[in-house]
Amino acid sequence: MPWYTTHLVLQWLEQQGGVDHIAVINQRKAQKLYDYIDQSDFYSNKVVKADRSWMNVPFLLADKSQEGRFLQGADQQGLKFLQGHRSVGGMRASIYNAMPEAGVDALISFMQEFEKQQ
């Protein structure tokens, strides 16, 4: 079973244009989300730019008491599993290979609307 699963993943990667193409997409997705967070006064990211992940983008809300509302609203929009790691808190967007760029766009759109409501 592991060999078959690996075969399917490698086949999918090839259909997407290969590892190099996926790397470009992943970097673009992450940069788009980090850029939005960095320009915001409502959201923040404490990770040094040189150490930022392309796969997991952590961020904090300016008002920690709004985290529950943020997660509930995100969930209602189909944006799932954004709660941060239990040891760090905040939010964490996991944008692995199979996450389409449209998913990152939807998250940013939700974040913009949530910020406007505050």
C-alpha atoms as a PDB file:
ATOM      1  CA  MET A   1       0.000   0.000   0.000  1.00  0.00           C
ATOM      2  CA  PRO A   2       2.754   2.571   0.751  1.00  0.00           C
ATOM      3  CA  TRP A   3       4.254   1.941  -2.694  1.00  0.00           C
ATOM      4  CA  TYR A   4       0.938   2.478  -4.406  1.00  0.00           C
ATOM      5  CA  THR A   5       0.281   5.674  -2.467  1.00  0.00           C
ATOM      6  CA  THR A   6       3.757   6.925  -3.332  1.00  0.00           C
ATOM      7  CA  HIS A   7       3.094   6.109  -6.979  1.00  0.00           C
ATOM      8  CA  LEU A   8      -0.130   8.132  -6.921  1.00  0.00           C
ATOM      9  CA  VAL A   9       1.564  11.124  -5.292  1.00  0.00           C
ATOM     10  CA  LEU A  10       4.447  11.054  -7.769  1.00  0.00           C
ATOM     11  CA  GLN A  11       2.003  10.731 -10.634  1.00  0.00           C
ATOM     12  CA  TRP A  12       0.053  13.739  -9.331  1.00  0.00           C
ATOM     13  CA  LEU A  13       3.275  15.761  -8.985  1.00  0.00           C
ATOM     14  CA  GLU A  14       4.192  14.934 -12.578  1.00  0.00           C
ATOM     15  CA  GLN A  15       0.715  15.965 -13.784  1.00  0.00           C
ATOM     16  CA  GLN A  16       1.138  19.319 -11.998  1.00  0.00           C
ATOM     17  CA  GLY A  17       4.357  20.045 -13.897  1.00  0.00           C
ATOM     18  CA  GLY A  18       6.924  18.422 -11.651  1.00  0.00           C
ATOM     19  CA  VAL A  19       8.571  19.222  -8.353  1.00  0.00           C
ATOM     20  CA  ASP A  20      10.165  22.452  -9.602  1.00  0.00           C
ATOM     21  CA  HIS A  21       6.795  23.777 -10.783  1.00  0.00           C
ATOM     22  CA  ILE A  22       5.114  22.838  -7.485  1.00  0.00           C
ATOM     23  CA  ALA A  23       7.916  24.646  -5.622  1.00  0.00           C
ATOM     24  CA  VAL A  24       7.199  27.845  -7.565  1.00  0.00           C
ATOM     25  CA  ILE A  25       3.480  27.565  -6.779  1.00  0.00           C
ATOM     26  CA  ASN A  26       4.138  26.830  -3.095  1.00  0.00           C
ATOM     27  CA  GLN A  27       6.465  29.782  -2.757  1.00  0.00           C
ATOM     28  CA  ARG A  28       3.914  32.049  -4.455  1.00  0.00           C
ATOM     29  CA  LYS A  29       1.088  30.838  -2.178  1.00  0.00           C
ATOM     30  CA  ALA A  30       3.145  31.377   0.963  1.00  0.00           C
ATOM     31  CA  GLN A  31       4.478  34.767  -0.156  1.00  0.00           C
ATOM     32  CA  LYS A  32       0.965  35.979  -0.951  1.00  0.00           C
ATOM     33  CA  LEU A  33      -0.248  35.064   2.541  1.00  0.00           C
ATOM     34  CA  TYR A  34       2.842  36.430   4.316  1.00  0.00           C
ATOM     35  CA  ASP A  35       2.599  39.679   2.332  1.00  0.00           C
ATOM     36  CA  TYR A  36      -0.992  40.167   3.441  1.00  0.00           C
ATOM     37  CA  ILE A  37      -0.166  39.425   7.081  1.00  0.00           C
ATOM     38  CA  ASP A  38       2.907  41.674   7.039  1.00  0.00           C
ATOM     39  CA  GLN A  39       1.008  44.701   5.731  1.00  0.00           C
ATOM     40  CA  SER A  40      -1.788  44.299   8.271  1.00  0.00           C
ATOM     41  CA  ASP A  41      -2.044  45.955  11.656  1.00  0.00           C
ATOM     42  CA  PHE A  42      -4.602  43.338  12.694  1.00  0.00           C
ATOM     43  CA  TYR A  43      -2.582  40.194  11.914  1.00  0.00           C
ATOM     44  CA  SER A  44       1.053  39.491  12.681  1.00  0.00           C
ATOM     45  CA  ASN A  45       3.698  36.857  12.164  1.00  0.00           C
ATOM     46  CA  LYS A  46       6.644  36.620  14.545  1.00  0.00           C
ATOM     47  CA  VAL A  47       8.783  34.279  12.435  1.00  0.00           C
ATOM     48  CA  VAL A  48      11.966  35.815  11.020  1.00  0.00           C
ATOM     49  CA  LYS A  49      11.522  36.175   7.254  1.00  0.00           C
ATOM     50  CA  ALA A  50      14.523  33.973   6.463  1.00  0.00           C
ATOM     51  CA  ASP A  51      13.029  31.143   8.549  1.00  0.00           C
ATOM     52  CA  ARG A  52       9.449  31.200   7.262  1.00  0.00           C
ATOM     53  CA  SER A  53       7.865  27.988   6.041  1.00  0.00           C
ATOM     54  CA  TRP A  54       6.161  27.594   2.682  1.00  0.00           C
ATOM     55  CA  MET A  55       3.934  24.882   4.157  1.00  0.00           C
ATOM     56  CA  ASN A  56       2.713  26.235   7.512  1.00  0.00           C
ATOM     57  CA  VAL A  57       2.041  29.936   7.912  1.00  0.00           C
ATOM     58  CA  PRO A  58       1.442  30.895  11.548  1.00  0.00           C
ATOM     59  CA  PHE A  59      -0.181  34.191  12.421  1.00  0.00           C
ATOM     60  CA  LEU A  60      -1.656  36.011  15.380  1.00  0.00           C
ATOM     61  CA  LEU A  61      -4.655  38.292  15.705  1.00  0.00           C
ATOM     62  CA  ALA A  62      -4.123  41.692  17.314  1.00  0.00           C
ATOM     63  CA  ASP A  63      -6.869  40.819  19.799  1.00  0.00           C
ATOM     64  CA  LYS A  64      -6.411  37.276  21.071  1.00  0.00           C
ATOM     65  CA  SER A  65      -9.968  37.267  22.432  1.00  0.00           C
ATOM     66  CA  GLN A  66     -11.224  37.237  18.801  1.00  0.00           C
ATOM     67  CA  GLU A  67      -9.592  33.898  17.964  1.00  0.00           C
ATOM     68  CA  GLY A  68     -12.733  31.867  18.671  1.00  0.00           C
ATOM     69  CA  ARG A  69     -14.853  34.090  16.430  1.00  0.00           C
ATOM     70  CA  PHE A  70     -12.183  33.968  13.737  1.00  0.00           C
ATOM     71  CA  LEU A  71     -12.046  30.166  13.780  1.00  0.00           C
ATOM     72  CA  GLN A  72     -15.833  29.845  13.817  1.00  0.00           C
ATOM     73  CA  GLY A  73     -16.237  32.272  10.912  1.00  0.00           C
ATOM     74  CA  ALA A  74     -13.472  30.604   8.943  1.00  0.00           C
ATOM     75  CA  ASP A  75     -15.049  27.206   9.498  1.00  0.00           C
ATOM     76  CA  GLN A  76     -18.377  28.509   8.198  1.00  0.00           C
ATOM     77  CA  GLN A  77     -16.566  29.621   5.036  1.00  0.00           C
ATOM     78  CA  GLY A  78     -15.079  26.148   4.567  1.00  0.00           C
ATOM     79  CA  LEU A  79     -11.665  27.198   5.861  1.00  0.00           C
ATOM     80  CA  LYS A  80     -10.802  24.355   8.188  1.00  0.00           C
ATOM     81  CA  PHE A  81      -8.130  23.487  10.746  1.00  0.00           C
ATOM     82  CA  LEU A  82      -6.670  26.978  11.218  1.00  0.00           C
ATOM     83  CA  GLN A  83      -6.126  26.704  14.958  1.00  0.00           C
ATOM     84  CA  GLY A  84      -2.461  27.121  15.803  1.00  0.00           C
ATOM     85  CA  HIS A  85      -0.260  24.582  17.493  1.00  0.00           C
ATOM     86  CA  ARG A  86      -1.194  24.065  21.135  1.00  0.00           C
ATOM     87  CA  SER A  87       2.241  25.168  22.346  1.00  0.00           C
ATOM     88  CA  VAL A  88       2.238  28.388  20.293  1.00  0.00           C
ATOM     89  CA  GLY A  89      -1.415  29.387  19.944  1.00  0.00           C
ATOM     90  CA  GLY A  90      -2.712  31.770  17.348  1.00  0.00           C
ATOM     91  CA  MET A  91      -3.563  30.505  13.881  1.00  0.00           C
ATOM     92  CA  ARG A  92      -1.729  28.297  11.428  1.00  0.00           C
ATOM     93  CA  ALA A  93      -2.599  27.907   7.759  1.00  0.00           C
ATOM     94  CA  SER A  94      -1.269  24.632   6.380  1.00  0.00           C
ATOM     95  CA  ILE A  95      -0.838  25.174   2.655  1.00  0.00           C
ATOM     96  CA  TYR A  96       0.803  21.940   1.552  1.00  0.00           C
ATOM     97  CA  ASN A  97       1.273  20.878  -2.072  1.00  0.00           C
ATOM     98  CA  ALA A  98      -2.334  19.871  -2.744  1.00  0.00           C
ATOM     99  CA  MET A  99      -3.802  23.128  -1.372  1.00  0.00           C
ATOM    100  CA  PRO A 100      -4.797  25.125  -4.446  1.00  0.00           C
ATOM    101  CA  GLU A 101      -3.850  28.778  -4.701  1.00  0.00           C
ATOM    102  CA  ALA A 102      -7.576  29.556  -4.687  1.00  0.00           C
ATOM    103  CA  GLY A 103      -7.653  28.267  -1.089  1.00  0.00           C
ATOM    104  CA  VAL A 104      -5.033  30.825  -0.057  1.00  0.00           C
ATOM    105  CA  ASP A 105      -6.988  33.523  -1.898  1.00  0.00           C
ATOM    106  CA  ALA A 106     -10.152  32.483  -0.021  1.00  0.00           C
ATOM    107  CA  LEU A 107      -8.321  32.668   3.312  1.00  0.00           C
ATOM    108  CA  ILE A 108      -6.957  36.140   2.564  1.00  0.00           C
ATOM    109  CA  SER A 109     -10.413  37.299   1.497  1.00  0.00           C
ATOM    110  CA  PHE A 110     -11.897  35.983   4.746  1.00  0.00           C
ATOM    111  CA  MET A 111      -9.117  37.626   6.768  1.00  0.00           C
ATOM    112  CA  GLN A 112      -9.822  40.962   5.066  1.00  0.00           C
ATOM    113  CA  GLU A 113     -13.547  40.737   5.812  1.00  0.00           C
ATOM    114  CA  PHE A 114     -12.952  39.643   9.398  1.00  0.00           C
ATOM    115  CA  GLU A 115     -10.602  42.589   9.955  1.00  0.00           C
ATOM    116  CA  LYS A 116     -13.168  45.038   8.527  1.00  0.00           C
ATOM    117  CA  GLN A 117     -15.768  43.795  11.029  1.00  0.00           C
ATOM    118  CA  GLN A 118     -13.580  44.660  14.027  1.00  0.00           C
END
